[in-house]
Amino acid sequence: MTDRVNLDELEALAKAATPGPWHREMIELGPGGPLTLGIGSAAAPVCIVNGIVESPRGNRDVALILAMRNQLDALIAEVREHRAKEKCSCGRALSPGLCGVCDNDE
């Protein structure tokens, strides 16, 4: 069997993180200080991506982080739904990992 994504771990990390949705924002580095590219939420700034105010890579990093965070809950639910429908090659439902009937490690 190939390694499976640990959905419980991802879900716990998502629940412990700043609630979403997250968005791109410019974060001020101290009162009156320079702005830097970052990620924020309705609650507060989340993180600074890099020290460069505007850079192509920084903007792409932010887009990726935002897409992953903002779609993570739906992705976890979709994978859980898919896993619940998995079948062993013998036709029995898998309950996570081994079949329990034919001992196939699917």
Protein backbone atom coordinates (compact mmCIF):
# COMPACT_ATOMS: atom_id res chain seq x y z
CA MET A 1 0.00 0.00 0.00
CA THR A 2 1.26 3.49 -0.76
CA ASP A 3 1.51 6.08 1.97
CA ARG A 4 -1.78 7.86 2.47
CA VAL A 5 -2.28 11.47 3.39
CA ASN A 6 -2.96 11.77 7.12
CA LEU A 7 -6.30 13.58 7.04
CA ASP A 8 -6.62 13.70 10.83
CA GLU A 9 -3.29 15.53 11.08
CA LEU A 10 -4.21 18.00 8.33
CA GLU A 11 -7.60 18.64 9.89
CA ALA A 12 -6.03 19.26 13.32
CA LEU A 13 -3.51 21.69 11.81
CA ALA A 14 -6.25 23.55 9.96
CA LYS A 15 -8.39 23.83 13.10
CA ALA A 16 -5.43 25.09 15.16
CA ALA A 17 -4.48 27.73 12.58
CA THR A 18 -5.94 31.20 12.17
CA PRO A 19 -9.49 30.76 10.82
CA GLY A 20 -10.00 31.40 7.12
CA PRO A 21 -10.63 32.58 4.62
CA TRP A 22 -7.18 34.02 4.20
CA HIS A 23 -6.29 36.79 1.75
CA ARG A 24 -3.27 38.58 0.31
CA GLU A 25 -2.34 41.80 2.05
CA MET A 26 0.50 44.19 2.56
CA ILE A 27 1.70 44.09 6.18
CA GLU A 28 3.34 47.09 7.81
CA LEU A 29 6.62 46.23 9.54
CA GLY A 30 6.18 48.33 12.64
CA PRO A 31 4.48 51.73 13.00
CA GLY A 32 5.30 53.77 9.92
CA GLY A 33 7.62 51.04 8.71
CA PRO A 34 7.87 49.56 5.23
CA LEU A 35 5.20 47.26 3.83
CA THR A 36 5.88 43.65 2.96
CA LEU A 37 3.91 40.95 1.20
CA GLY A 38 1.89 38.82 3.58
CA ILE A 39 -1.21 36.81 4.27
CA GLY A 40 -4.02 37.92 6.50
CA SER A 41 -7.43 36.87 7.70
CA ALA A 42 -10.43 38.72 9.06
CA ALA A 43 -8.91 38.22 12.52
CA ALA A 44 -5.33 39.42 11.97
CA PRO A 45 -2.23 39.20 9.81
CA VAL A 46 -1.21 35.56 9.45
CA CYS A 47 2.34 35.66 8.14
CA ILE A 48 4.92 37.54 6.13
CA VAL A 49 5.87 35.70 2.95
CA ASN A 50 9.17 37.41 2.27
CA GLY A 51 10.92 40.74 2.78
CA ILE A 52 10.31 41.87 -0.78
CA VAL A 53 7.29 44.12 -1.15
CA GLU A 54 6.37 42.95 -4.65
CA SER A 55 8.05 40.04 -6.36
CA PRO A 56 6.73 37.51 -8.89
CA ARG A 57 7.77 34.57 -6.73
CA GLY A 58 6.33 36.10 -3.57
CA ASN A 59 3.01 36.73 -5.32
CA ARG A 60 2.94 33.13 -6.60
CA ASP A 61 3.80 31.82 -3.12
CA VAL A 62 0.93 33.80 -1.64
CA ALA A 63 -1.48 32.54 -4.32
CA LEU A 64 -0.48 28.93 -3.58
CA ILE A 65 -0.72 29.29 0.21
CA LEU A 66 -4.11 31.00 -0.06
CA ALA A 67 -5.51 28.38 -2.44
CA MET A 68 -4.31 25.52 -0.24
CA ARG A 69 -5.63 27.03 3.01
CA ASN A 70 -8.93 28.23 1.63
CA GLN A 71 -9.71 24.88 -0.05
CA LEU A 72 -8.25 22.54 2.59
CA ASP A 73 -11.48 21.82 4.48
CA ALA A 74 -13.32 20.92 1.26
CA LEU A 75 -10.41 18.77 0.08
CA ILE A 76 -10.31 16.83 3.37
CA ALA A 77 -14.08 16.22 3.17
CA GLU A 78 -13.84 15.05 -0.46
CA VAL A 79 -10.99 12.62 0.28
CA ARG A 80 -12.84 11.26 3.34
CA GLU A 81 -15.93 10.69 1.17
CA HIS A 82 -13.85 8.92 -1.48
CA ARG A 83 -12.11 6.73 1.10
CA ALA A 84 -15.44 5.72 2.61
CA LYS A 85 -16.36 4.22 -0.77
CA GLU A 86 -13.09 2.31 -1.29
CA LYS A 87 -13.35 -1.40 -1.97
CA CYS A 88 -10.82 -4.20 -1.69
CA SER A 89 -10.07 -6.24 -4.81
CA CYS A 90 -12.25 -8.98 -3.24
CA GLY A 91 -15.20 -6.56 -3.30
CA ARG A 92 -15.42 -5.86 0.44
CA ALA A 93 -15.36 -2.33 1.83
CA LEU A 94 -12.01 -1.31 3.26
CA SER A 95 -11.99 -0.20 6.85
CA PRO A 96 -9.01 1.69 6.89
CA GLY A 97 -6.24 -0.38 5.36
CA LEU A 98 -6.69 -4.14 5.60
CA CYS A 99 -9.73 -5.85 4.14
CA GLY A 100 -10.32 -8.07 7.16
CA VAL A 101 -11.78 -10.81 4.97
CA CYS A 102 -8.99 -11.64 2.56
CA ASP A 103 -6.20 -9.75 4.41
CA ASN A 104 -5.27 -7.80 1.26
CA ASP A 105 -3.26 -4.74 2.17
CA GLU A 106 -4.77 -2.44 -0.47
